[in-house]
Amino acid sequence: MEKNYVKIATSSLLISIVGVFVVDYFSHLLFSKPMETMGYFLGKLIFYFLFSIVFLSLLDLKKNEFIKVAVAGVVVASLWGMYYNIFPLLFDYY
């Protein structure tokens, strides 16, 4: 079976952008003081991108696996955002 590497790279980029610059960025923007630097988000984007490539390379993307992976990426990013930003705000700790 031949892998479609362009589709894997595009899907990984989409997952990383949504996970970092939509979910995580707005979580930090709304609940974190002081705000993280752009270098932090770019580093995290690269980290998400590389691990998404590895993860998607192991999956069969023909059976709606991308949707499952994208939803899982948003859930994981949301949970980390909640752990690092919302819980400290609610329980007054850092």
PDB file of N, CA and C in Angstrom:
ATOM      1  N   MET A   1       0.843  -1.182   0.000  1.00  0.00           N
ATOM      2  CA  MET A   1       0.000   0.000   0.000  1.00  0.00           C
ATOM      3  C   MET A   1       0.888   1.245   0.000  1.00  0.00           C
ATOM      4  N   GLU A   2       0.624   2.156  -0.911  1.00  0.00           N
ATOM      5  CA  GLU A   2       1.417   3.376  -1.023  1.00  0.00           C
ATOM      6  C   GLU A   2       0.772   4.499  -0.212  1.00  0.00           C
ATOM      7  N   LYS A   3       1.595   5.187   0.561  1.00  0.00           N
ATOM      8  CA  LYS A   3       1.103   6.299   1.383  1.00  0.00           C
ATOM      9  C   LYS A   3       1.022   7.559   0.538  1.00  0.00           C
ATOM     10  N   ASN A   4       0.058   8.377   0.818  1.00  0.00           N
ATOM     11  CA  ASN A   4      -0.074   9.667   0.167  1.00  0.00           C
ATOM     12  C   ASN A   4       0.564  10.713   1.090  1.00  0.00           C
ATOM     13  N   TYR A   5       1.834  11.005   0.859  1.00  0.00           N
ATOM     14  CA  TYR A   5       2.594  11.862   1.768  1.00  0.00           C
ATOM     15  C   TYR A   5       2.151  13.321   1.720  1.00  0.00           C
ATOM     16  N   VAL A   6       1.645  13.766   0.581  1.00  0.00           N
ATOM     17  CA  VAL A   6       1.138  15.142   0.497  1.00  0.00           C
ATOM     18  C   VAL A   6      -0.098  15.289   1.382  1.00  0.00           C
ATOM     19  N   LYS A   7      -0.978  14.289   1.346  1.00  0.00           N
ATOM     20  CA  LYS A   7      -2.178  14.321   2.188  1.00  0.00           C
ATOM     21  C   LYS A   7      -1.796  14.244   3.667  1.00  0.00           C
ATOM     22  N   ILE A   8      -0.812  13.447   4.001  1.00  0.00           N
ATOM     23  CA  ILE A   8      -0.363  13.342   5.392  1.00  0.00           C
ATOM     24  C   ILE A   8       0.220  14.666   5.864  1.00  0.00           C
ATOM     25  N   ALA A   9       1.065  15.296   5.042  1.00  0.00           N
ATOM     26  CA  ALA A   9       1.674  16.572   5.418  1.00  0.00           C
ATOM     27  C   ALA A   9       0.620  17.668   5.542  1.00  0.00           C
ATOM     28  N   THR A  10      -0.330  17.713   4.602  1.00  0.00           N
ATOM     29  CA  THR A  10      -1.391  18.717   4.655  1.00  0.00           C
ATOM     30  C   THR A  10      -2.277  18.515   5.876  1.00  0.00           C
ATOM     31  N   SER A  11      -2.638  17.279   6.149  1.00  0.00           N
ATOM     32  CA  SER A  11      -3.461  16.978   7.323  1.00  0.00           C
ATOM     33  C   SER A  11      -2.723  17.322   8.605  1.00  0.00           C
ATOM     34  N   SER A  12      -1.443  17.028   8.667  1.00  0.00           N
ATOM     35  CA  SER A  12      -0.646  17.343   9.853  1.00  0.00           C
ATOM     36  C   SER A  12      -0.553  18.843  10.068  1.00  0.00           C
ATOM     37  N   LEU A  13      -0.376  19.579   8.990  1.00  0.00           N
ATOM     38  CA  LEU A  13      -0.323  21.036   9.098  1.00  0.00           C
ATOM     39  C   LEU A  13      -1.655  21.595   9.582  1.00  0.00           C
ATOM     40  N   LEU A  14      -2.746  21.073   9.068  1.00  0.00           N
ATOM     41  CA  LEU A  14      -4.067  21.519   9.492  1.00  0.00           C
ATOM     42  C   LEU A  14      -4.313  21.221  10.969  1.00  0.00           C
ATOM     43  N   ILE A  15      -3.955  20.016  11.392  1.00  0.00           N
ATOM     44  CA  ILE A  15      -4.118  19.646  12.804  1.00  0.00           C
ATOM     45  C   ILE A  15      -3.280  20.554  13.694  1.00  0.00           C
ATOM     46  N   SER A  16      -2.038  20.813  13.308  1.00  0.00           N
ATOM     47  CA  SER A  16      -1.177  21.645  14.150  1.00  0.00           C
ATOM     48  C   SER A  16      -1.654  23.082  14.205  1.00  0.00           C
ATOM     49  N   ILE A  17      -2.107  23.625  13.091  1.00  0.00           N
ATOM     50  CA  ILE A  17      -2.584  25.012  13.096  1.00  0.00           C
ATOM     51  C   ILE A  17      -3.837  25.144  13.948  1.00  0.00           C
ATOM     52  N   VAL A  18      -4.771  24.233  13.783  1.00  0.00           N
ATOM     53  CA  VAL A  18      -6.002  24.292  14.582  1.00  0.00           C
ATOM     54  C   VAL A  18      -5.693  24.046  16.048  1.00  0.00           C
ATOM     55  N   GLY A  19      -4.863  23.060  16.346  1.00  0.00           N
ATOM     56  CA  GLY A  19      -4.548  22.745  17.742  1.00  0.00           C
ATOM     57  C   GLY A  19      -3.809  23.851  18.450  1.00  0.00           C
ATOM     58  N   VAL A  20      -2.870  24.502  17.766  1.00  0.00           N
ATOM     59  CA  VAL A  20      -2.036  25.509  18.425  1.00  0.00           C
ATOM     60  C   VAL A  20      -2.612  26.914  18.284  1.00  0.00           C
ATOM     61  N   PHE A  21      -2.907  27.334  17.057  1.00  0.00           N
ATOM     62  CA  PHE A  21      -3.287  28.729  16.855  1.00  0.00           C
ATOM     63  C   PHE A  21      -4.784  28.994  16.996  1.00  0.00           C
ATOM     64  N   VAL A  22      -5.586  27.994  17.140  1.00  0.00           N
ATOM     65  CA  VAL A  22      -7.001  28.231  17.429  1.00  0.00           C
ATOM     66  C   VAL A  22      -7.280  27.879  18.882  1.00  0.00           C
ATOM     67  N   VAL A  23      -7.112  26.619  19.232  1.00  0.00           N
ATOM     68  CA  VAL A  23      -7.480  26.175  20.576  1.00  0.00           C
ATOM     69  C   VAL A  23      -6.510  26.709  21.624  1.00  0.00           C
ATOM     70  N   ASP A  24      -5.227  26.423  21.479  1.00  0.00           N
ATOM     71  CA  ASP A  24      -4.256  26.781  22.508  1.00  0.00           C
ATOM     72  C   ASP A  24      -4.027  28.289  22.593  1.00  0.00           C
ATOM     73  N   TYR A  25      -3.932  28.960  21.455  1.00  0.00           N
ATOM     74  CA  TYR A  25      -3.689  30.405  21.451  1.00  0.00           C
ATOM     75  C   TYR A  25      -4.815  31.152  22.154  1.00  0.00           C
ATOM     76  N   PHE A  26      -6.068  30.828  21.809  1.00  0.00           N
ATOM     77  CA  PHE A  26      -7.182  31.533  22.432  1.00  0.00           C
ATOM     78  C   PHE A  26      -7.371  31.142  23.885  1.00  0.00           C
ATOM     79  N   SER A  27      -6.987  29.940  24.231  1.00  0.00           N
ATOM     80  CA  SER A  27      -7.005  29.536  25.636  1.00  0.00           C
ATOM     81  C   SER A  27      -6.021  30.394  26.432  1.00  0.00           C
ATOM     82  N   HIS A  28      -4.830  30.583  25.890  1.00  0.00           N
ATOM     83  CA  HIS A  28      -3.841  31.446  26.554  1.00  0.00           C
ATOM     84  C   HIS A  28      -4.289  32.900  26.551  1.00  0.00           C
ATOM     85  N   LEU A  29      -4.847  33.346  25.437  1.00  0.00           N
ATOM     86  CA  LEU A  29      -5.264  34.739  25.307  1.00  0.00           C
ATOM     87  C   LEU A  29      -6.353  35.096  26.317  1.00  0.00           C
ATOM     88  N   LEU A  30      -7.293  34.194  26.513  1.00  0.00           N
ATOM     89  CA  LEU A  30      -8.419  34.483  27.393  1.00  0.00           C
ATOM     90  C   LEU A  30      -8.139  34.202  28.866  1.00  0.00           C
ATOM     91  N   PHE A  31      -7.281  33.229  29.166  1.00  0.00           N
ATOM     92  CA  PHE A  31      -7.145  32.787  30.546  1.00  0.00           C
ATOM     93  C   PHE A  31      -5.753  32.890  31.135  1.00  0.00           C
ATOM     94  N   SER A  32      -4.766  33.335  30.383  1.00  0.00           N
ATOM     95  CA  SER A  32      -3.393  33.323  30.875  1.00  0.00           C
ATOM     96  C   SER A  32      -2.849  34.741  30.975  1.00  0.00           C
ATOM     97  N   LYS A  33      -2.250  35.028  32.096  1.00  0.00           N
ATOM     98  CA  LYS A  33      -1.583  36.313  32.288  1.00  0.00           C
ATOM     99  C   LYS A  33      -0.242  36.022  32.916  1.00  0.00           C
ATOM    100  N   PRO A  34       0.873  36.377  32.343  1.00  0.00           N
ATOM    101  CA  PRO A  34       1.047  37.065  31.055  1.00  0.00           C
ATOM    102  C   PRO A  34       0.890  36.097  29.893  1.00  0.00           C
ATOM    103  N   MET A  35       0.678  36.672  28.740  1.00  0.00           N
ATOM    104  CA  MET A  35       0.502  35.891  27.513  1.00  0.00           C
ATOM    105  C   MET A  35       1.830  35.289  27.085  1.00  0.00           C
ATOM    106  N   GLU A  36       1.785  34.085  26.530  1.00  0.00           N
ATOM    107  CA  GLU A  36       2.997  33.437  26.019  1.00  0.00           C
ATOM    108  C   GLU A  36       3.505  34.168  24.780  1.00  0.00           C
ATOM    109  N   THR A  37       4.771  33.966  24.459  1.00  0.00           N
ATOM    110  CA  THR A  37       5.370  34.626  23.291  1.00  0.00           C
ATOM    111  C   THR A  37       5.017  33.877  22.010  1.00  0.00           C
ATOM    112  N   MET A  38       5.211  34.538  20.879  1.00  0.00           N
ATOM    113  CA  MET A  38       4.936  33.908  19.585  1.00  0.00           C
ATOM    114  C   MET A  38       5.921  32.765  19.337  1.00  0.00           C
ATOM    115  N   GLY A  39       7.147  32.876  19.832  1.00  0.00           N
ATOM    116  CA  GLY A  39       8.110  31.783  19.702  1.00  0.00           C
ATOM    117  C   GLY A  39       7.630  30.507  20.373  1.00  0.00           C
ATOM    118  N   TYR A  40       6.957  30.655  21.506  1.00  0.00           N
ATOM    119  CA  TYR A  40       6.379  29.510  22.217  1.00  0.00           C
ATOM    120  C   TYR A  40       5.371  28.792  21.320  1.00  0.00           C
ATOM    121  N   PHE A  41       4.481  29.568  20.685  1.00  0.00           N
ATOM    122  CA  PHE A  41       3.454  28.965  19.838  1.00  0.00           C
ATOM    123  C   PHE A  41       4.047  28.372  18.564  1.00  0.00           C
ATOM    124  N   LEU A  42       5.063  29.000  18.005  1.00  0.00           N
ATOM    125  CA  LEU A  42       5.709  28.441  16.815  1.00  0.00           C
ATOM    126  C   LEU A  42       6.439  27.139  17.143  1.00  0.00           C
ATOM    127  N   GLY A  43       7.105  27.103  18.293  1.00  0.00           N
ATOM    128  CA  GLY A  43       7.758  25.869  18.727  1.00  0.00           C
ATOM    129  C   GLY A  43       6.760  24.751  18.946  1.00  0.00           C
ATOM    130  N   LYS A  44       5.630  25.098  19.550  1.00  0.00           N
ATOM    131  CA  LYS A  44       4.585  24.111  19.784  1.00  0.00           C
ATOM    132  C   LYS A  44       3.971  23.649  18.459  1.00  0.00           C
ATOM    133  N   LEU A  45       3.835  24.564  17.501  1.00  0.00           N
ATOM    134  CA  LEU A  45       3.318  24.214  16.190  1.00  0.00           C
ATOM    135  C   LEU A  45       4.220  23.190  15.505  1.00  0.00           C
ATOM    136  N   ILE A  46       5.520  23.403  15.576  1.00  0.00           N
ATOM    137  CA  ILE A  46       6.471  22.458  14.971  1.00  0.00           C
ATOM    138  C   ILE A  46       6.376  21.101  15.662  1.00  0.00           C
ATOM    139  N   PHE A  47       6.301  21.111  16.974  1.00  0.00           N
ATOM    140  CA  PHE A  47       6.169  19.880  17.760  1.00  0.00           C
ATOM    141  C   PHE A  47       4.906  19.120  17.355  1.00  0.00           C
ATOM    142  N   TYR A  48       3.758  19.802  17.291  1.00  0.00           N
ATOM    143  CA  TYR A  48       2.497  19.175  16.879  1.00  0.00           C
ATOM    144  C   TYR A  48       2.606  18.642  15.454  1.00  0.00           C
ATOM    145  N   PHE A  49       3.221  19.433  14.567  1.00  0.00           N
ATOM    146  CA  PHE A  49       3.333  19.040  13.171  1.00  0.00           C
ATOM    147  C   PHE A  49       4.137  17.753  13.009  1.00  0.00           C
ATOM    148  N   LEU A  50       5.294  17.687  13.664  1.00  0.00           N
ATOM    149  CA  LEU A  50       6.138  16.498  13.542  1.00  0.00           C
ATOM    150  C   LEU A  50       5.457  15.253  14.094  1.00  0.00           C
ATOM    151  N   PHE A  51       4.836  15.379  15.256  1.00  0.00           N
ATOM    152  CA  PHE A  51       4.167  14.208  15.821  1.00  0.00           C
ATOM    153  C   PHE A  51       2.905  13.841  15.054  1.00  0.00           C
ATOM    154  N   SER A  52       2.243  14.806  14.442  1.00  0.00           N
ATOM    155  CA  SER A  52       1.093  14.488  13.593  1.00  0.00           C
ATOM    156  C   SER A  52       1.525  13.721  12.356  1.00  0.00           C
ATOM    157  N   ILE A  53       2.663  14.089  11.785  1.00  0.00           N
ATOM    158  CA  ILE A  53       3.181  13.351  10.623  1.00  0.00           C
ATOM    159  C   ILE A  53       3.462  11.902  11.001  1.00  0.00           C
ATOM    160  N   VAL A  54       4.130  11.709  12.112  1.00  0.00           N
ATOM    161  CA  VAL A  54       4.432  10.342  12.557  1.00  0.00           C
ATOM    162  C   VAL A  54       3.141   9.573  12.805  1.00  0.00           C
ATOM    163  N   PHE A  55       2.205  10.206  13.494  1.00  0.00           N
ATOM    164  CA  PHE A  55       0.958   9.532  13.840  1.00  0.00           C
ATOM    165  C   PHE A  55       0.132   9.204  12.603  1.00  0.00           C
ATOM    166  N   LEU A  56       0.003  10.173  11.696  1.00  0.00           N
ATOM    167  CA  LEU A  56      -0.803   9.931  10.498  1.00  0.00           C
ATOM    168  C   LEU A  56      -0.131   8.960   9.533  1.00  0.00           C
ATOM    169  N   SER A  57       1.161   8.837   9.604  1.00  0.00           N
ATOM    170  CA  SER A  57       1.857   7.866   8.757  1.00  0.00           C
ATOM    171  C   SER A  57       1.513   6.439   9.158  1.00  0.00           C
ATOM    172  N   LEU A  58       1.120   6.262  10.389  1.00  0.00           N
ATOM    173  CA  LEU A  58       0.778   4.930  10.885  1.00  0.00           C
ATOM    174  C   LEU A  58      -0.688   4.569  10.672  1.00  0.00           C
ATOM    175  N   LEU A  59      -1.521   5.549  10.289  1.00  0.00           N
ATOM    176  CA  LEU A  59      -2.947   5.299  10.121  1.00  0.00           C
ATOM    177  C   LEU A  59      -3.323   5.131   8.660  1.00  0.00           C
ATOM    178  N   ASP A  60      -4.447   4.477   8.447  1.00  0.00           N
ATOM    179  CA  ASP A  60      -5.028   4.378   7.116  1.00  0.00           C
ATOM    180  C   ASP A  60      -6.010   5.534   6.971  1.00  0.00           C
ATOM    181  N   LEU A  61      -5.669   6.515   6.131  1.00  0.00           N
ATOM    182  CA  LEU A  61      -6.467   7.730   6.024  1.00  0.00           C
ATOM    183  C   LEU A  61      -7.711   7.582   5.157  1.00  0.00           C
ATOM    184  N   LYS A  62      -7.957   6.422   4.623  1.00  0.00           N
ATOM    185  CA  LYS A  62      -9.099   6.232   3.733  1.00  0.00           C
ATOM    186  C   LYS A  62     -10.408   5.998   4.484  1.00  0.00           C
ATOM    187  N   LYS A  63     -10.350   5.671   5.758  1.00  0.00           N
ATOM    188  CA  LYS A  63     -11.558   5.286   6.492  1.00  0.00           C
ATOM    189  C   LYS A  63     -11.980   6.361   7.498  1.00  0.00           C
ATOM    190  N   ASN A  64     -11.986   7.612   7.111  1.00  0.00           N
ATOM    191  CA  ASN A  64     -12.354   8.728   7.996  1.00  0.00           C
ATOM    192  C   ASN A  64     -11.461   8.822   9.219  1.00  0.00           C
ATOM    193  N   GLU A  65     -10.259   8.282   9.127  1.00  0.00           N
ATOM    194  CA  GLU A  65      -9.329   8.359  10.240  1.00  0.00           C
ATOM    195  C   GLU A  65      -8.896   9.801  10.502  1.00  0.00           C
ATOM    196  N   PHE A  66      -8.819  10.617   9.446  1.00  0.00           N
ATOM    197  CA  PHE A  66      -8.382  11.995   9.631  1.00  0.00           C
ATOM    198  C   PHE A  66      -9.335  12.748  10.544  1.00  0.00           C
ATOM    199  N   ILE A  67     -10.627  12.551  10.383  1.00  0.00           N
ATOM    200  CA  ILE A  67     -11.599  13.242  11.230  1.00  0.00           C
ATOM    201  C   ILE A  67     -11.411  12.834  12.677  1.00  0.00           C
ATOM    202  N   LYS A  68     -11.199  11.548  12.922  1.00  0.00           N
ATOM    203  CA  LYS A  68     -10.967  11.081  14.292  1.00  0.00           C
ATOM    204  C   LYS A  68      -9.699  11.699  14.869  1.00  0.00           C
ATOM    205  N   VAL A  69      -8.657  11.763  14.068  1.00  0.00           N
ATOM    206  CA  VAL A  69      -7.384  12.328  14.527  1.00  0.00           C
ATOM    207  C   VAL A  69      -7.526  13.827  14.774  1.00  0.00           C
ATOM    208  N   ALA A  70      -8.224  14.529  13.891  1.00  0.00           N
ATOM    209  CA  ALA A  70      -8.410  15.971  14.052  1.00  0.00           C
ATOM    210  C   ALA A  70      -9.214  16.271  15.315  1.00  0.00           C
ATOM    211  N   VAL A  71     -10.262  15.523  15.552  1.00  0.00           N
ATOM    212  CA  VAL A  71     -11.069  15.710  16.760  1.00  0.00           C
ATOM    213  C   VAL A  71     -10.238  15.386  17.998  1.00  0.00           C
ATOM    214  N   ALA A  72      -9.464  14.322  17.939  1.00  0.00           N
ATOM    215  CA  ALA A  72      -8.602  13.967  19.071  1.00  0.00           C
ATOM    216  C   ALA A  72      -7.562  15.056  19.320  1.00  0.00           C
ATOM    217  N   GLY A  73      -7.005  15.644  18.261  1.00  0.00           N
ATOM    218  CA  GLY A  73      -6.044  16.731  18.421  1.00  0.00           C
ATOM    219  C   GLY A  73      -6.649  17.946  19.094  1.00  0.00           C
ATOM    220  N   VAL A  74      -7.875  18.302  18.715  1.00  0.00           N
ATOM    221  CA  VAL A  74      -8.553  19.433  19.343  1.00  0.00           C
ATOM    222  C   VAL A  74      -8.871  19.123  20.804  1.00  0.00           C
ATOM    223  N   VAL A  75      -9.295  17.911  21.093  1.00  0.00           N
ATOM    224  CA  VAL A  75      -9.597  17.530  22.479  1.00  0.00           C
ATOM    225  C   VAL A  75      -8.338  17.582  23.333  1.00  0.00           C
ATOM    226  N   VAL A  76      -7.233  17.035  22.839  1.00  0.00           N
ATOM    227  CA  VAL A  76      -5.986  17.054  23.609  1.00  0.00           C
ATOM    228  C   VAL A  76      -5.505  18.484  23.828  1.00  0.00           C
ATOM    229  N   ALA A  77      -5.553  19.313  22.800  1.00  0.00           N
ATOM    230  CA  ALA A  77      -5.148  20.715  22.948  1.00  0.00           C
ATOM    231  C   ALA A  77      -6.049  21.434  23.939  1.00  0.00           C
ATOM    232  N   SER A  78      -7.342  21.131  23.908  1.00  0.00           N
ATOM    233  CA  SER A  78      -8.271  21.753  24.859  1.00  0.00           C
ATOM    234  C   SER A  78      -7.988  21.318  26.291  1.00  0.00           C
ATOM    235  N   LEU A  79      -7.706  20.040  26.477  1.00  0.00           N
ATOM    236  CA  LEU A  79      -7.403  19.552  27.823  1.00  0.00           C
ATOM    237  C   LEU A  79      -6.129  20.186  28.377  1.00  0.00           C
ATOM    238  N   TRP A  80      -5.091  20.294  27.539  1.00  0.00           N
ATOM    239  CA  TRP A  80      -3.857  20.944  27.990  1.00  0.00           C
ATOM    240  C   TRP A  80      -4.096  22.423  28.271  1.00  0.00           C
ATOM    241  N   GLY A  81      -4.874  23.070  27.440  1.00  0.00           N
ATOM    242  CA  GLY A  81      -5.202  24.471  27.677  1.00  0.00           C
ATOM    243  C   GLY A  81      -5.971  24.655  28.968  1.00  0.00           C
ATOM    244  N   MET A  82      -6.871  23.726  29.242  1.00  0.00           N
ATOM    245  CA  MET A  82      -7.644  23.795  30.484  1.00  0.00           C
ATOM    246  C   MET A  82      -6.724  23.560  31.680  1.00  0.00           C
ATOM    247  N   TYR A  83      -5.828  22.605  31.579  1.00  0.00           N
ATOM    248  CA  TYR A  83      -4.922  22.288  32.678  1.00  0.00           C
ATOM    249  C   TYR A  83      -3.995  23.459  32.990  1.00  0.00           C
ATOM    250  N   TYR A  84      -3.459  24.076  31.943  1.00  0.00           N
ATOM    251  CA  TYR A  84      -2.482  25.138  32.161  1.00  0.00           C
ATOM    252  C   TYR A  84      -3.092  26.521  32.330  1.00  0.00           C
ATOM    253  N   ASN A  85      -4.314  26.745  31.881  1.00  0.00           N
ATOM    254  CA  ASN A  85      -4.865  28.088  31.898  1.00  0.00           C
ATOM    255  C   ASN A  85      -6.150  28.232  32.708  1.00  0.00           C
ATOM    256  N   ILE A  86      -7.082  27.324  32.551  1.00  0.00           N
ATOM    257  CA  ILE A  86      -8.382  27.491  33.198  1.00  0.00           C
ATOM    258  C   ILE A  86      -8.350  27.028  34.653  1.00  0.00           C
ATOM    259  N   PHE A  87      -7.757  25.869  34.937  1.00  0.00           N
ATOM    260  CA  PHE A  87      -7.687  25.399  36.316  1.00  0.00           C
ATOM    261  C   PHE A  87      -6.949  26.367  37.241  1.00  0.00           C
ATOM    262  N   PRO A  88      -5.776  26.909  36.826  1.00  0.00           N
ATOM    263  CA  PRO A  88      -5.124  27.884  37.699  1.00  0.00           C
ATOM    264  C   PRO A  88      -5.972  29.119  37.950  1.00  0.00           C
ATOM    265  N   LEU A  89      -6.741  29.543  36.976  1.00  0.00           N
ATOM    266  CA  LEU A  89      -7.610  30.690  37.147  1.00  0.00           C
ATOM    267  C   LEU A  89      -8.737  30.372  38.118  1.00  0.00           C
ATOM    268  N   LEU A  90      -9.317  29.188  37.981  1.00  0.00           N
ATOM    269  CA  LEU A  90     -10.419  28.797  38.855  1.00  0.00           C
ATOM    270  C   LEU A  90      -9.986  28.534  40.281  1.00  0.00           C
ATOM    271  N   PHE A  91      -8.832  27.884  40.448  1.00  0.00           N
ATOM    272  CA  PHE A  91      -8.389  27.482  41.780  1.00  0.00           C
ATOM    273  C   PHE A  91      -7.301  28.370  42.347  1.00  0.00           C
ATOM    274  N   ASP A  92      -6.984  29.467  41.659  1.00  0.00           N
ATOM    275  CA  ASP A  92      -6.050  30.486  42.132  1.00  0.00           C
ATOM    276  C   ASP A  92      -4.663  29.932  42.473  1.00  0.00           C
ATOM    277  N   TYR A  93      -4.054  29.234  41.505  1.00  0.00           N
ATOM    278  CA  TYR A  93      -2.674  28.766  41.663  1.00  0.00           C
ATOM    279  C   TYR A  93      -1.944  28.886  40.334  1.00  0.00           C
ATOM    280  N   TYR A  94      -0.623  28.971  40.398  1.00  0.00           N
ATOM    281  CA  TYR A  94       0.220  28.975  39.196  1.00  0.00           C
ATOM    282  C   TYR A  94       1.469  28.214  39.443  1.00  0.00           C
TER     283      TYR A  94
END
